[in-house]
Amino acid sequence: MHRLAENSVRVVAADTQAALKSTDQALLAHVQMVPSVLETADGSDLPLAVTQDLHSRIATHGGKLVEGREDRRQLITRLPLVKDRSDQREVATGCPGGALTPSPAHIVSSRCLPELSRHARKRAWQCASQTCLRRPFSGC
């Protein structure tokens, strides 16, 4: 059993929620920037090579933001599994950003997390199925 500092689970949960919110805000800011850059390029006499480079970099950056969000989602799905094996197991923290349901199969995959017991995989899947919203288990 892991030993976690008292209140650390709540601190991590709050930081996770804040990080997810800031990731979404960065994505929103990027999406809002795209038309500004496109309209500015359209109303100028920039050479094709310059506008192509700008368009390519905008698309690449947006993709990286989405990839980073997916990495964060994967991290968030693993945090409760660590907590569940700790002395802070009964601390209720909720699901950051709501229940993360897109890939319960990934969470419970024995290839991804072979060290988990059958019971822990079942709890992870139940959480991913949003039952965590009705239980004290911390979530997703």
C-alpha atoms as a PDB file:
ATOM      1  CA  MET A   1       0.000   0.000   0.000  1.00  0.00           C
ATOM      2  CA  HIS A   2       1.305   3.435  -0.956  1.00  0.00           C
ATOM      3  CA  ARG A   3       1.486   6.111   1.693  1.00  0.00           C
ATOM      4  CA  LEU A   4       0.413   9.548   0.551  1.00  0.00           C
ATOM      5  CA  ALA A   5       0.601  12.745   2.557  1.00  0.00           C
ATOM      6  CA  GLU A   6      -2.688  13.760   4.092  1.00  0.00           C
ATOM      7  CA  ASN A   7      -4.599  16.185   1.860  1.00  0.00           C
ATOM      8  CA  SER A   8      -2.199  15.530  -1.050  1.00  0.00           C
ATOM      9  CA  VAL A   9      -4.921  13.757  -3.025  1.00  0.00           C
ATOM     10  CA  ARG A  10      -7.156  16.819  -2.859  1.00  0.00           C
ATOM     11  CA  VAL A  11      -4.268  19.077  -3.882  1.00  0.00           C
ATOM     12  CA  VAL A  12      -3.471  16.870  -6.876  1.00  0.00           C
ATOM     13  CA  ALA A  13      -7.165  16.753  -7.822  1.00  0.00           C
ATOM     14  CA  ALA A  14      -7.450  20.552  -7.689  1.00  0.00           C
ATOM     15  CA  ASP A  15      -4.235  20.996  -9.686  1.00  0.00           C
ATOM     16  CA  THR A  16      -5.471  18.459 -12.233  1.00  0.00           C
ATOM     17  CA  GLN A  17      -8.725  20.362 -12.679  1.00  0.00           C
ATOM     18  CA  ALA A  18      -6.826  23.642 -13.083  1.00  0.00           C
ATOM     19  CA  ALA A  19      -4.411  22.102 -15.595  1.00  0.00           C
ATOM     20  CA  LEU A  20      -7.257  20.653 -17.661  1.00  0.00           C
ATOM     21  CA  LYS A  21      -9.009  24.018 -17.682  1.00  0.00           C
ATOM     22  CA  SER A  22      -5.829  25.827 -18.772  1.00  0.00           C
ATOM     23  CA  THR A  23      -5.290  23.254 -21.539  1.00  0.00           C
ATOM     24  CA  ASP A  24      -8.786  23.903 -22.857  1.00  0.00           C
ATOM     25  CA  GLN A  25      -8.226  27.669 -22.609  1.00  0.00           C
ATOM     26  CA  ALA A  26      -5.009  27.324 -24.632  1.00  0.00           C
ATOM     27  CA  LEU A  27      -6.856  25.345 -27.288  1.00  0.00           C
ATOM     28  CA  LEU A  28      -9.630  27.954 -27.397  1.00  0.00           C
ATOM     29  CA  ALA A  29      -7.091  30.783 -27.729  1.00  0.00           C
ATOM     30  CA  HIS A  30      -5.394  28.909 -30.565  1.00  0.00           C
ATOM     31  CA  VAL A  31      -8.673  28.364 -32.404  1.00  0.00           C
ATOM     32  CA  GLN A  32      -9.512  32.061 -32.027  1.00  0.00           C
ATOM     33  CA  MET A  33      -6.074  33.025 -33.361  1.00  0.00           C
ATOM     34  CA  VAL A  34      -6.433  30.986 -36.563  1.00  0.00           C
ATOM     35  CA  PRO A  35      -8.942  33.253 -38.369  1.00  0.00           C
ATOM     36  CA  SER A  36      -6.958  36.344 -37.367  1.00  0.00           C
ATOM     37  CA  VAL A  37      -3.807  34.973 -38.963  1.00  0.00           C
ATOM     38  CA  LEU A  38      -5.672  33.740 -42.046  1.00  0.00           C
ATOM     39  CA  GLU A  39      -7.460  37.066 -42.568  1.00  0.00           C
ATOM     40  CA  THR A  40      -4.242  39.031 -42.074  1.00  0.00           C
ATOM     41  CA  ALA A  41      -2.397  36.826 -44.557  1.00  0.00           C
ATOM     42  CA  ASP A  42      -5.267  37.108 -47.044  1.00  0.00           C
ATOM     43  CA  GLY A  43      -5.273  40.904 -46.849  1.00  0.00           C
ATOM     44  CA  SER A  44      -1.540  41.212 -47.397  1.00  0.00           C
ATOM     45  CA  ASP A  45       0.920  40.675 -50.207  1.00  0.00           C
ATOM     46  CA  LEU A  46       2.867  37.950 -48.437  1.00  0.00           C
ATOM     47  CA  PRO A  47       4.504  35.390 -50.706  1.00  0.00           C
ATOM     48  CA  LEU A  48       2.971  31.936 -50.962  1.00  0.00           C
ATOM     49  CA  ALA A  49       5.929  30.350 -49.162  1.00  0.00           C
ATOM     50  CA  VAL A  50       5.404  32.593 -46.137  1.00  0.00           C
ATOM     51  CA  THR A  51       1.658  32.000 -45.893  1.00  0.00           C
ATOM     52  CA  GLN A  52       2.157  28.261 -46.421  1.00  0.00           C
ATOM     53  CA  ASP A  53       4.664  28.208 -43.564  1.00  0.00           C
ATOM     54  CA  LEU A  54       2.244  30.092 -41.303  1.00  0.00           C
ATOM     55  CA  HIS A  55      -0.666  27.793 -42.161  1.00  0.00           C
ATOM     56  CA  SER A  56       1.469  24.711 -41.608  1.00  0.00           C
ATOM     57  CA  ARG A  57       2.726  25.930 -38.236  1.00  0.00           C
ATOM     58  CA  ILE A  58      -0.801  26.841 -37.095  1.00  0.00           C
ATOM     59  CA  ALA A  59      -2.055  23.377 -37.989  1.00  0.00           C
ATOM     60  CA  THR A  60       0.930  21.677 -36.344  1.00  0.00           C
ATOM     61  CA  HIS A  61       0.568  23.702 -33.159  1.00  0.00           C
ATOM     62  CA  GLY A  62      -3.158  22.950 -32.915  1.00  0.00           C
ATOM     63  CA  GLY A  63      -2.426  19.248 -33.319  1.00  0.00           C
ATOM     64  CA  LYS A  64       0.155  19.399 -30.554  1.00  0.00           C
ATOM     65  CA  LEU A  65      -2.364  21.039 -28.227  1.00  0.00           C
ATOM     66  CA  VAL A  66      -4.857  18.244 -28.902  1.00  0.00           C
ATOM     67  CA  GLU A  67      -2.127  15.593 -28.450  1.00  0.00           C
ATOM     68  CA  GLY A  68      -1.140  17.213 -25.170  1.00  0.00           C
ATOM     69  CA  ARG A  69      -4.737  17.121 -24.013  1.00  0.00           C
ATOM     70  CA  GLU A  70      -4.891  13.408 -24.801  1.00  0.00           C
ATOM     71  CA  ASP A  71      -1.693  12.856 -22.804  1.00  0.00           C
ATOM     72  CA  ARG A  72      -3.284  14.727 -19.921  1.00  0.00           C
ATOM     73  CA  ARG A  73      -6.444  12.583 -20.202  1.00  0.00           C
ATOM     74  CA  GLN A  74      -4.326   9.454 -19.982  1.00  0.00           C
ATOM     75  CA  LEU A  75      -2.551  10.817 -16.908  1.00  0.00           C
ATOM     76  CA  ILE A  76      -5.852  11.715 -15.265  1.00  0.00           C
ATOM     77  CA  THR A  77      -7.159   8.189 -15.809  1.00  0.00           C
ATOM     78  CA  ARG A  78      -4.138   6.746 -14.018  1.00  0.00           C
ATOM     79  CA  LEU A  79      -4.071   9.009 -10.953  1.00  0.00           C
ATOM     80  CA  PRO A  80      -7.065   7.372  -9.206  1.00  0.00           C
ATOM     81  CA  LEU A  81      -5.529   3.956  -9.733  1.00  0.00           C
ATOM     82  CA  VAL A  82      -2.522   5.063  -7.684  1.00  0.00           C
ATOM     83  CA  LYS A  83      -4.777   6.647  -5.063  1.00  0.00           C
ATOM     84  CA  ASP A  84      -6.841   3.477  -4.902  1.00  0.00           C
ATOM     85  CA  ARG A  85      -3.746   1.566  -3.791  1.00  0.00           C
ATOM     86  CA  SER A  86      -2.892   4.083  -1.107  1.00  0.00           C
ATOM     87  CA  ASP A  87      -3.861   4.932   2.425  1.00  0.00           C
ATOM     88  CA  GLN A  88      -5.956   7.774   0.928  1.00  0.00           C
ATOM     89  CA  ARG A  89      -8.244   5.389  -0.966  1.00  0.00           C
ATOM     90  CA  GLU A  90     -11.450   6.634   0.656  1.00  0.00           C
ATOM     91  CA  VAL A  91     -10.822  10.334  -0.061  1.00  0.00           C
ATOM     92  CA  ALA A  92     -13.502  11.557  -2.488  1.00  0.00           C
ATOM     93  CA  THR A  93     -12.285  14.093  -5.038  1.00  0.00           C
ATOM     94  CA  GLY A  94     -14.679  13.793  -7.979  1.00  0.00           C
ATOM     95  CA  CYS A  95     -13.831  13.567 -11.661  1.00  0.00           C
ATOM     96  CA  PRO A  96     -11.800  16.421 -13.149  1.00  0.00           C
ATOM     97  CA  GLY A  97     -13.664  17.724 -16.151  1.00  0.00           C
ATOM     98  CA  GLY A  98     -16.424  15.153 -15.713  1.00  0.00           C
ATOM     99  CA  ALA A  99     -16.227  11.410 -16.091  1.00  0.00           C
ATOM    100  CA  LEU A 100     -13.666  10.424 -18.680  1.00  0.00           C
ATOM    101  CA  THR A 101     -15.526   7.827 -20.678  1.00  0.00           C
ATOM    102  CA  PRO A 102     -13.933   7.782 -24.139  1.00  0.00           C
ATOM    103  CA  SER A 103     -11.798   4.720 -23.671  1.00  0.00           C
ATOM    104  CA  PRO A 104     -12.667   2.504 -20.706  1.00  0.00           C
ATOM    105  CA  ALA A 105     -11.126  -0.402 -22.578  1.00  0.00           C
ATOM    106  CA  HIS A 106      -7.774   1.403 -22.448  1.00  0.00           C
ATOM    107  CA  ILE A 107      -8.072   1.918 -18.711  1.00  0.00           C
ATOM    108  CA  VAL A 108      -8.864  -1.699 -17.966  1.00  0.00           C
ATOM    109  CA  SER A 109      -6.522  -3.218 -20.504  1.00  0.00           C
ATOM    110  CA  SER A 110      -4.250  -5.739 -18.873  1.00  0.00           C
ATOM    111  CA  ARG A 111      -1.605  -4.801 -21.447  1.00  0.00           C
ATOM    112  CA  CYS A 112      -1.619  -1.172 -20.299  1.00  0.00           C
ATOM    113  CA  LEU A 113      -1.734  -1.881 -16.582  1.00  0.00           C
ATOM    114  CA  PRO A 114      -0.805  -5.529 -16.058  1.00  0.00           C
ATOM    115  CA  GLU A 115      -0.063  -5.068 -12.377  1.00  0.00           C
ATOM    116  CA  LEU A 116      -3.642  -4.186 -11.528  1.00  0.00           C
ATOM    117  CA  SER A 117      -5.769  -6.746  -9.841  1.00  0.00           C
ATOM    118  CA  ARG A 118      -9.022  -7.827 -11.471  1.00  0.00           C
ATOM    119  CA  HIS A 119     -10.881  -5.823  -8.808  1.00  0.00           C
ATOM    120  CA  ALA A 120      -8.892  -2.644  -9.559  1.00  0.00           C
ATOM    121  CA  ARG A 121      -9.507  -2.977 -13.313  1.00  0.00           C
ATOM    122  CA  LYS A 122     -13.220  -3.440 -12.660  1.00  0.00           C
ATOM    123  CA  ARG A 123     -13.282  -0.324 -10.453  1.00  0.00           C
ATOM    124  CA  ALA A 124     -11.417   1.655 -13.130  1.00  0.00           C
ATOM    125  CA  TRP A 125     -13.924   0.578 -15.761  1.00  0.00           C
ATOM    126  CA  GLN A 126     -16.837   1.397 -13.470  1.00  0.00           C
ATOM    127  CA  CYS A 127     -15.367   4.844 -12.961  1.00  0.00           C
ATOM    128  CA  ALA A 128     -14.962   5.301 -16.683  1.00  0.00           C
ATOM    129  CA  SER A 129     -18.587   4.276 -17.042  1.00  0.00           C
ATOM    130  CA  GLN A 130     -19.518   7.240 -14.808  1.00  0.00           C
ATOM    131  CA  THR A 131     -20.480   5.195 -11.760  1.00  0.00           C
ATOM    132  CA  CYS A 132     -17.829   7.221  -9.937  1.00  0.00           C
ATOM    133  CA  LEU A 133     -20.295  10.093  -9.919  1.00  0.00           C
ATOM    134  CA  ARG A 134     -22.430   8.095  -7.475  1.00  0.00           C
ATOM    135  CA  ARG A 135     -19.608   6.700  -5.332  1.00  0.00           C
ATOM    136  CA  PRO A 136     -16.939   8.115  -3.026  1.00  0.00           C
ATOM    137  CA  PHE A 137     -14.245   6.713  -5.340  1.00  0.00           C
ATOM    138  CA  SER A 138     -12.316   9.700  -6.648  1.00  0.00           C
ATOM    139  CA  GLY A 139     -12.929   9.236 -10.198  1.00  0.00           C
ATOM    140  CA  CYS A 140     -11.538   9.178 -13.569  1.00  0.00           C
END
